[in-house]
Amino acid sequence: MESQNRMILQHLKEHKSITALEALSEYRCFRLAARIKNLRDDGHYIHTEMIDLPRGGQRIAQYTMIKLAGQ
């Protein structure tokens, strides 16, 4: 888990946002919401926005880095 937290945090630093689909395909992370909670618990400010997928009327969460801990 700790290494997934680091990978997700690095992704947010570089790309500013991530979805569960990206986390699964790039980092084999099935529980992105749990990793985001870990990062928030560490003091990082991460915004959650629900976005509509182009097909099927489904919605997923997109997490966006607002502020790193200690900044």
PDB file of N, CA and C in Angstrom:
ATOM      1  N   MET A   1       0.816  -1.195   0.000  1.00  0.00           N
ATOM      2  CA  MET A   1       0.000   0.000   0.000  1.00  0.00           C
ATOM      3  C   MET A   1       0.861   1.261   0.000  1.00  0.00           C
ATOM      4  N   GLU A   2       1.893   1.274   0.804  1.00  0.00           N
ATOM      5  CA  GLU A   2       2.723   2.471   0.898  1.00  0.00           C
ATOM      6  C   GLU A   2       3.307   2.842  -0.461  1.00  0.00           C
ATOM      7  N   SER A   3       3.732   1.843  -1.232  1.00  0.00           N
ATOM      8  CA  SER A   3       4.293   2.163  -2.542  1.00  0.00           C
ATOM      9  C   SER A   3       3.207   2.678  -3.488  1.00  0.00           C
ATOM     10  N   GLN A   4       1.990   2.162  -3.371  1.00  0.00           N
ATOM     11  CA  GLN A   4       0.893   2.699  -4.176  1.00  0.00           C
ATOM     12  C   GLN A   4       0.604   4.138  -3.785  1.00  0.00           C
ATOM     13  N   ASN A   5       0.643   4.434  -2.501  1.00  0.00           N
ATOM     14  CA  ASN A   5       0.444   5.814  -2.053  1.00  0.00           C
ATOM     15  C   ASN A   5       1.476   6.730  -2.700  1.00  0.00           C
ATOM     16  N   ARG A   6       2.726   6.307  -2.706  1.00  0.00           N
ATOM     17  CA  ARG A   6       3.791   7.111  -3.317  1.00  0.00           C
ATOM     18  C   ARG A   6       3.561   7.282  -4.813  1.00  0.00           C
ATOM     19  N   MET A   7       3.177   6.216  -5.498  1.00  0.00           N
ATOM     20  CA  MET A   7       2.942   6.298  -6.935  1.00  0.00           C
ATOM     21  C   MET A   7       1.767   7.221  -7.256  1.00  0.00           C
ATOM     22  N   ILE A   8       0.691   7.110  -6.479  1.00  0.00           N
ATOM     23  CA  ILE A   8      -0.487   7.955  -6.710  1.00  0.00           C
ATOM     24  C   ILE A   8      -0.130   9.413  -6.430  1.00  0.00           C
ATOM     25  N   LEU A   9       0.598   9.672  -5.348  1.00  0.00           N
ATOM     26  CA  LEU A   9       1.010  11.037  -5.029  1.00  0.00           C
ATOM     27  C   LEU A   9       1.893  11.603  -6.138  1.00  0.00           C
ATOM     28  N   GLN A  10       2.829  10.824  -6.630  1.00  0.00           N
ATOM     29  CA  GLN A  10       3.691  11.275  -7.721  1.00  0.00           C
ATOM     30  C   GLN A  10       2.874  11.579  -8.966  1.00  0.00           C
ATOM     31  N   HIS A  11       1.897  10.729  -9.263  1.00  0.00           N
ATOM     32  CA  HIS A  11       1.016  10.954 -10.411  1.00  0.00           C
ATOM     33  C   HIS A  11       0.277  12.284 -10.253  1.00  0.00           C
ATOM     34  N   LEU A  12      -0.264  12.530  -9.060  1.00  0.00           N
ATOM     35  CA  LEU A  12      -0.984  13.783  -8.809  1.00  0.00           C
ATOM     36  C   LEU A  12      -0.061  14.989  -8.946  1.00  0.00           C
ATOM     37  N   LYS A  13       1.179  14.868  -8.505  1.00  0.00           N
ATOM     38  CA  LYS A  13       2.137  15.969  -8.646  1.00  0.00           C
ATOM     39  C   LYS A  13       2.411  16.275 -10.111  1.00  0.00           C
ATOM     40  N   GLU A  14       2.539  15.226 -10.921  1.00  0.00           N
ATOM     41  CA  GLU A  14       2.892  15.401 -12.328  1.00  0.00           C
ATOM     42  C   GLU A  14       1.700  15.756 -13.210  1.00  0.00           C
ATOM     43  N   HIS A  15       0.567  15.095 -12.966  1.00  0.00           N
ATOM     44  CA  HIS A  15      -0.580  15.222 -13.875  1.00  0.00           C
ATOM     45  C   HIS A  15      -1.754  15.997 -13.286  1.00  0.00           C
ATOM     46  N   LYS A  16      -1.697  16.311 -11.999  1.00  0.00           N
ATOM     47  CA  LYS A  16      -2.700  17.091 -11.271  1.00  0.00           C
ATOM     48  C   LYS A  16      -3.995  16.350 -10.961  1.00  0.00           C
ATOM     49  N   SER A  17      -4.328  15.291 -11.701  1.00  0.00           N
ATOM     50  CA  SER A  17      -5.557  14.549 -11.387  1.00  0.00           C
ATOM     51  C   SER A  17      -5.403  13.077 -11.765  1.00  0.00           C
ATOM     52  N   ILE A  18      -6.344  12.268 -11.218  1.00  0.00           N
ATOM     53  CA  ILE A  18      -6.338  10.830 -11.498  1.00  0.00           C
ATOM     54  C   ILE A  18      -7.751  10.286 -11.292  1.00  0.00           C
ATOM     55  N   THR A  19      -8.087   9.272 -12.063  1.00  0.00           N
ATOM     56  CA  THR A  19      -9.351   8.548 -11.882  1.00  0.00           C
ATOM     57  C   THR A  19      -9.034   7.102 -11.520  1.00  0.00           C
ATOM     58  N   ALA A  20     -10.044   6.390 -11.071  1.00  0.00           N
ATOM     59  CA  ALA A  20      -9.859   4.979 -10.726  1.00  0.00           C
ATOM     60  C   ALA A  20      -9.434   4.166 -11.950  1.00  0.00           C
ATOM     61  N   LEU A  21      -9.937   4.525 -13.124  1.00  0.00           N
ATOM     62  CA  LEU A  21      -9.554   3.800 -14.336  1.00  0.00           C
ATOM     63  C   LEU A  21      -8.057   3.978 -14.625  1.00  0.00           C
ATOM     64  N   GLU A  22      -7.554   5.183 -14.446  1.00  0.00           N
ATOM     65  CA  GLU A  22      -6.123   5.432 -14.640  1.00  0.00           C
ATOM     66  C   GLU A  22      -5.294   4.693 -13.592  1.00  0.00           C
ATOM     67  N   ALA A  23      -5.736   4.748 -12.344  1.00  0.00           N
ATOM     68  CA  ALA A  23      -5.004   4.085 -11.264  1.00  0.00           C
ATOM     69  C   ALA A  23      -4.937   2.580 -11.482  1.00  0.00           C
ATOM     70  N   LEU A  24      -6.021   2.017 -11.961  1.00  0.00           N
ATOM     71  CA  LEU A  24      -6.050   0.581 -12.221  1.00  0.00           C
ATOM     72  C   LEU A  24      -5.123   0.217 -13.379  1.00  0.00           C
ATOM     73  N   SER A  25      -5.212   0.951 -14.474  1.00  0.00           N
ATOM     74  CA  SER A  25      -4.412   0.584 -15.645  1.00  0.00           C
ATOM     75  C   SER A  25      -2.922   0.903 -15.465  1.00  0.00           C
ATOM     76  N   GLU A  26      -2.595   1.994 -14.767  1.00  0.00           N
ATOM     77  CA  GLU A  26      -1.193   2.392 -14.648  1.00  0.00           C
ATOM     78  C   GLU A  26      -0.487   1.808 -13.425  1.00  0.00           C
ATOM     79  N   TYR A  27      -1.241   1.601 -12.320  1.00  0.00           N
ATOM     80  CA  TYR A  27      -0.602   1.193 -11.070  1.00  0.00           C
ATOM     81  C   TYR A  27      -1.202  -0.059 -10.449  1.00  0.00           C
ATOM     82  N   ARG A  28      -2.139  -0.681 -11.156  1.00  0.00           N
ATOM     83  CA  ARG A  28      -2.818  -1.884 -10.650  1.00  0.00           C
ATOM     84  C   ARG A  28      -3.430  -1.627  -9.264  1.00  0.00           C
ATOM     85  N   CYS A  29      -3.966  -0.429  -9.100  1.00  0.00           N
ATOM     86  CA  CYS A  29      -4.573  -0.017  -7.836  1.00  0.00           C
ATOM     87  C   CYS A  29      -6.086  -0.163  -7.962  1.00  0.00           C
ATOM     88  N   PHE A  30      -6.637  -1.117  -7.234  1.00  0.00           N
ATOM     89  CA  PHE A  30      -8.071  -1.384  -7.277  1.00  0.00           C
ATOM     90  C   PHE A  30      -8.849  -0.497  -6.310  1.00  0.00           C
ATOM     91  N   ARG A  31      -8.187   0.106  -5.334  1.00  0.00           N
ATOM     92  CA  ARG A  31      -8.864   0.873  -4.285  1.00  0.00           C
ATOM     93  C   ARG A  31      -8.313   2.294  -4.205  1.00  0.00           C
ATOM     94  N   LEU A  32      -8.522   3.033  -5.280  1.00  0.00           N
ATOM     95  CA  LEU A  32      -8.002   4.398  -5.329  1.00  0.00           C
ATOM     96  C   LEU A  32      -8.586   5.261  -4.218  1.00  0.00           C
ATOM     97  N   ALA A  33      -9.861   5.122  -3.918  1.00  0.00           N
ATOM     98  CA  ALA A  33     -10.471   5.933  -2.866  1.00  0.00           C
ATOM     99  C   ALA A  33      -9.755   5.736  -1.529  1.00  0.00           C
ATOM    100  N   ALA A  34      -9.345   4.521  -1.236  1.00  0.00           N
ATOM    101  CA  ALA A  34      -8.615   4.243   0.005  1.00  0.00           C
ATOM    102  C   ALA A  34      -7.234   4.897  -0.016  1.00  0.00           C
ATOM    103  N   ARG A  35      -6.563   4.858  -1.181  1.00  0.00           N
ATOM    104  CA  ARG A  35      -5.254   5.504  -1.286  1.00  0.00           C
ATOM    105  C   ARG A  35      -5.384   7.016  -1.140  1.00  0.00           C
ATOM    106  N   ILE A  36      -6.442   7.603  -1.706  1.00  0.00           N
ATOM    107  CA  ILE A  36      -6.682   9.036  -1.584  1.00  0.00           C
ATOM    108  C   ILE A  36      -6.925   9.394  -0.121  1.00  0.00           C
ATOM    109  N   LYS A  37      -7.663   8.549   0.595  1.00  0.00           N
ATOM    110  CA  LYS A  37      -7.897   8.793   2.022  1.00  0.00           C
ATOM    111  C   LYS A  37      -6.572   8.779   2.782  1.00  0.00           C
ATOM    112  N   ASN A  38      -5.702   7.826   2.463  1.00  0.00           N
ATOM    113  CA  ASN A  38      -4.379   7.785   3.102  1.00  0.00           C
ATOM    114  C   ASN A  38      -3.616   9.082   2.863  1.00  0.00           C
ATOM    115  N   LEU A  39      -3.655   9.573   1.629  1.00  0.00           N
ATOM    116  CA  LEU A  39      -2.944  10.804   1.293  1.00  0.00           C
ATOM    117  C   LEU A  39      -3.558  12.004   2.009  1.00  0.00           C
ATOM    118  N   ARG A  40      -4.878  12.024   2.097  1.00  0.00           N
ATOM    119  CA  ARG A  40      -5.534  13.106   2.843  1.00  0.00           C
ATOM    120  C   ARG A  40      -5.161  13.033   4.317  1.00  0.00           C
ATOM    121  N   ASP A  41      -5.124  11.840   4.857  1.00  0.00           N
ATOM    122  CA  ASP A  41      -4.726  11.666   6.261  1.00  0.00           C
ATOM    123  C   ASP A  41      -3.295  12.156   6.506  1.00  0.00           C
ATOM    124  N   ASP A  42      -2.465  12.110   5.462  1.00  0.00           N
ATOM    125  CA  ASP A  42      -1.085  12.606   5.555  1.00  0.00           C
ATOM    126  C   ASP A  42      -1.021  14.127   5.420  1.00  0.00           C
ATOM    127  N   GLY A  43      -2.167  14.769   5.170  1.00  0.00           N
ATOM    128  CA  GLY A  43      -2.218  16.220   5.116  1.00  0.00           C
ATOM    129  C   GLY A  43      -2.338  16.842   3.739  1.00  0.00           C
ATOM    130  N   HIS A  44      -2.429  16.031   2.699  1.00  0.00           N
ATOM    131  CA  HIS A  44      -2.571  16.557   1.335  1.00  0.00           C
ATOM    132  C   HIS A  44      -4.032  16.964   1.098  1.00  0.00           C
ATOM    133  N   TYR A  45      -4.219  18.079   0.380  1.00  0.00           N
ATOM    134  CA  TYR A  45      -5.562  18.541   0.028  1.00  0.00           C
ATOM    135  C   TYR A  45      -5.885  18.048  -1.382  1.00  0.00           C
ATOM    136  N   ILE A  46      -6.865  17.159  -1.466  1.00  0.00           N
ATOM    137  CA  ILE A  46      -7.242  16.546  -2.733  1.00  0.00           C
ATOM    138  C   ILE A  46      -8.748  16.714  -2.915  1.00  0.00           C
ATOM    139  N   HIS A  47      -9.135  17.295  -4.049  1.00  0.00           N
ATOM    140  CA  HIS A  47     -10.540  17.552  -4.363  1.00  0.00           C
ATOM    141  C   HIS A  47     -11.117  16.365  -5.125  1.00  0.00           C
ATOM    142  N   THR A  48     -12.368  16.028  -4.833  1.00  0.00           N
ATOM    143  CA  THR A  48     -13.073  14.964  -5.544  1.00  0.00           C
ATOM    144  C   THR A  48     -14.182  15.573  -6.388  1.00  0.00           C
ATOM    145  N   GLU A  49     -14.221  15.188  -7.654  1.00  0.00           N
ATOM    146  CA  GLU A  49     -15.296  15.630  -8.548  1.00  0.00           C
ATOM    147  C   GLU A  49     -15.826  14.413  -9.294  1.00  0.00           C
ATOM    148  N   MET A  50     -17.128  14.303  -9.351  1.00  0.00           N
ATOM    149  CA  MET A  50     -17.739  13.216 -10.108  1.00  0.00           C
ATOM    150  C   MET A  50     -17.869  13.655 -11.565  1.00  0.00           C
ATOM    151  N   ILE A  51     -17.360  12.802 -12.473  1.00  0.00           N
ATOM    152  CA  ILE A  51     -17.431  13.118 -13.897  1.00  0.00           C
ATOM    153  C   ILE A  51     -18.214  12.031 -14.610  1.00  0.00           C
ATOM    154  N   ASP A  52     -18.893  12.427 -15.680  1.00  0.00           N
ATOM    155  CA  ASP A  52     -19.672  11.493 -16.484  1.00  0.00           C
ATOM    156  C   ASP A  52     -18.784  10.864 -17.542  1.00  0.00           C
ATOM    157  N   LEU A  53     -18.880   9.550 -17.678  1.00  0.00           N
ATOM    158  CA  LEU A  53     -18.154   8.861 -18.742  1.00  0.00           C
ATOM    159  C   LEU A  53     -18.905   9.086 -20.047  1.00  0.00           C
ATOM    160  N   PRO A  54     -18.177   9.096 -21.169  1.00  0.00           N
ATOM    161  CA  PRO A  54     -18.814   9.392 -22.456  1.00  0.00           C
ATOM    162  C   PRO A  54     -19.927   8.416 -22.843  1.00  0.00           C
ATOM    163  N   ARG A  55     -19.785   7.160 -22.435  1.00  0.00           N
ATOM    164  CA  ARG A  55     -20.795   6.166 -22.820  1.00  0.00           C
ATOM    165  C   ARG A  55     -21.354   5.493 -21.586  1.00  0.00           C
ATOM    166  N   GLY A  56     -22.607   5.129 -21.663  1.00  0.00           N
ATOM    167  CA  GLY A  56     -23.208   4.308 -20.629  1.00  0.00           C
ATOM    168  C   GLY A  56     -23.809   5.050 -19.452  1.00  0.00           C
ATOM    169  N   GLY A  57     -23.702   6.350 -19.426  1.00  0.00           N
ATOM    170  CA  GLY A  57     -24.290   7.117 -18.346  1.00  0.00           C
ATOM    171  C   GLY A  57     -23.678   6.847 -16.984  1.00  0.00           C
ATOM    172  N   GLN A  58     -22.452   6.367 -16.943  1.00  0.00           N
ATOM    173  CA  GLN A  58     -21.793   6.085 -15.670  1.00  0.00           C
ATOM    174  C   GLN A  58     -21.005   7.302 -15.213  1.00  0.00           C
ATOM    175  N   ARG A  59     -20.807   7.397 -13.887  1.00  0.00           N
ATOM    176  CA  ARG A  59     -20.021   8.470 -13.300  1.00  0.00           C
ATOM    177  C   ARG A  59     -18.887   7.862 -12.483  1.00  0.00           C
ATOM    178  N   ILE A  60     -17.741   8.519 -12.542  1.00  0.00           N
ATOM    179  CA  ILE A  60     -16.611   8.087 -11.729  1.00  0.00           C
ATOM    180  C   ILE A  60     -15.998   9.314 -11.043  1.00  0.00           C
ATOM    181  N   ALA A  61     -15.249   9.058  -9.995  1.00  0.00           N
ATOM    182  CA  ALA A  61     -14.584  10.143  -9.274  1.00  0.00           C
ATOM    183  C   ALA A  61     -13.267  10.494  -9.953  1.00  0.00           C
ATOM    184  N   GLN A  62     -13.027  11.780 -10.034  1.00  0.00           N
ATOM    185  CA  GLN A  62     -11.733  12.287 -10.484  1.00  0.00           C
ATOM    186  C   GLN A  62     -11.146  13.067  -9.312  1.00  0.00           C
ATOM    187  N   TYR A  63      -9.936  12.712  -8.929  1.00  0.00           N
ATOM    188  CA  TYR A  63      -9.266  13.330  -7.791  1.00  0.00           C
ATOM    189  C   TYR A  63      -8.222  14.313  -8.312  1.00  0.00           C
ATOM    190  N   THR A  64      -8.241  15.516  -7.767  1.00  0.00           N
ATOM    191  CA  THR A  64      -7.337  16.571  -8.203  1.00  0.00           C
ATOM    192  C   THR A  64      -6.536  17.103  -7.026  1.00  0.00           C
ATOM    193  N   MET A  65      -5.230  17.207  -7.198  1.00  0.00           N
ATOM    194  CA  MET A  65      -4.359  17.734  -6.153  1.00  0.00           C
ATOM    195  C   MET A  65      -4.576  19.240  -6.042  1.00  0.00           C
ATOM    196  N   ILE A  66      -4.915  19.697  -4.840  1.00  0.00           N
ATOM    197  CA  ILE A  66      -5.089  21.110  -4.566  1.00  0.00           C
ATOM    198  C   ILE A  66      -3.835  21.679  -3.905  1.00  0.00           C
ATOM    199  N   LYS A  67      -3.347  20.968  -2.894  1.00  0.00           N
ATOM    200  CA  LYS A  67      -2.182  21.460  -2.149  1.00  0.00           C
ATOM    201  C   LYS A  67      -1.483  20.291  -1.474  1.00  0.00           C
ATOM    202  N   LEU A  68      -0.172  20.259  -1.572  1.00  0.00           N
ATOM    203  CA  LEU A  68       0.613  19.230  -0.906  1.00  0.00           C
ATOM    204  C   LEU A  68       0.690  19.523   0.585  1.00  0.00           C
ATOM    205  N   ALA A  69       0.849  18.498   1.374  1.00  0.00           N
ATOM    206  CA  ALA A  69       0.997  18.662   2.827  1.00  0.00           C
ATOM    207  C   ALA A  69       2.197  19.566   3.112  1.00  0.00           C
ATOM    208  N   GLY A  70       2.015  20.452   4.063  1.00  0.00           N
ATOM    209  CA  GLY A  70       3.112  21.312   4.484  1.00  0.00           C
ATOM    210  C   GLY A  70       3.332  22.525   3.623  1.00  0.00           C
ATOM    211  N   GLN A  71       2.489  22.769   2.648  1.00  0.00           N
ATOM    212  CA  GLN A  71       2.667  23.955   1.789  1.00  0.00           C
ATOM    213  C   GLN A  71       1.679  25.029   2.162  1.00  0.00           C
TER     214      GLN A  71
END
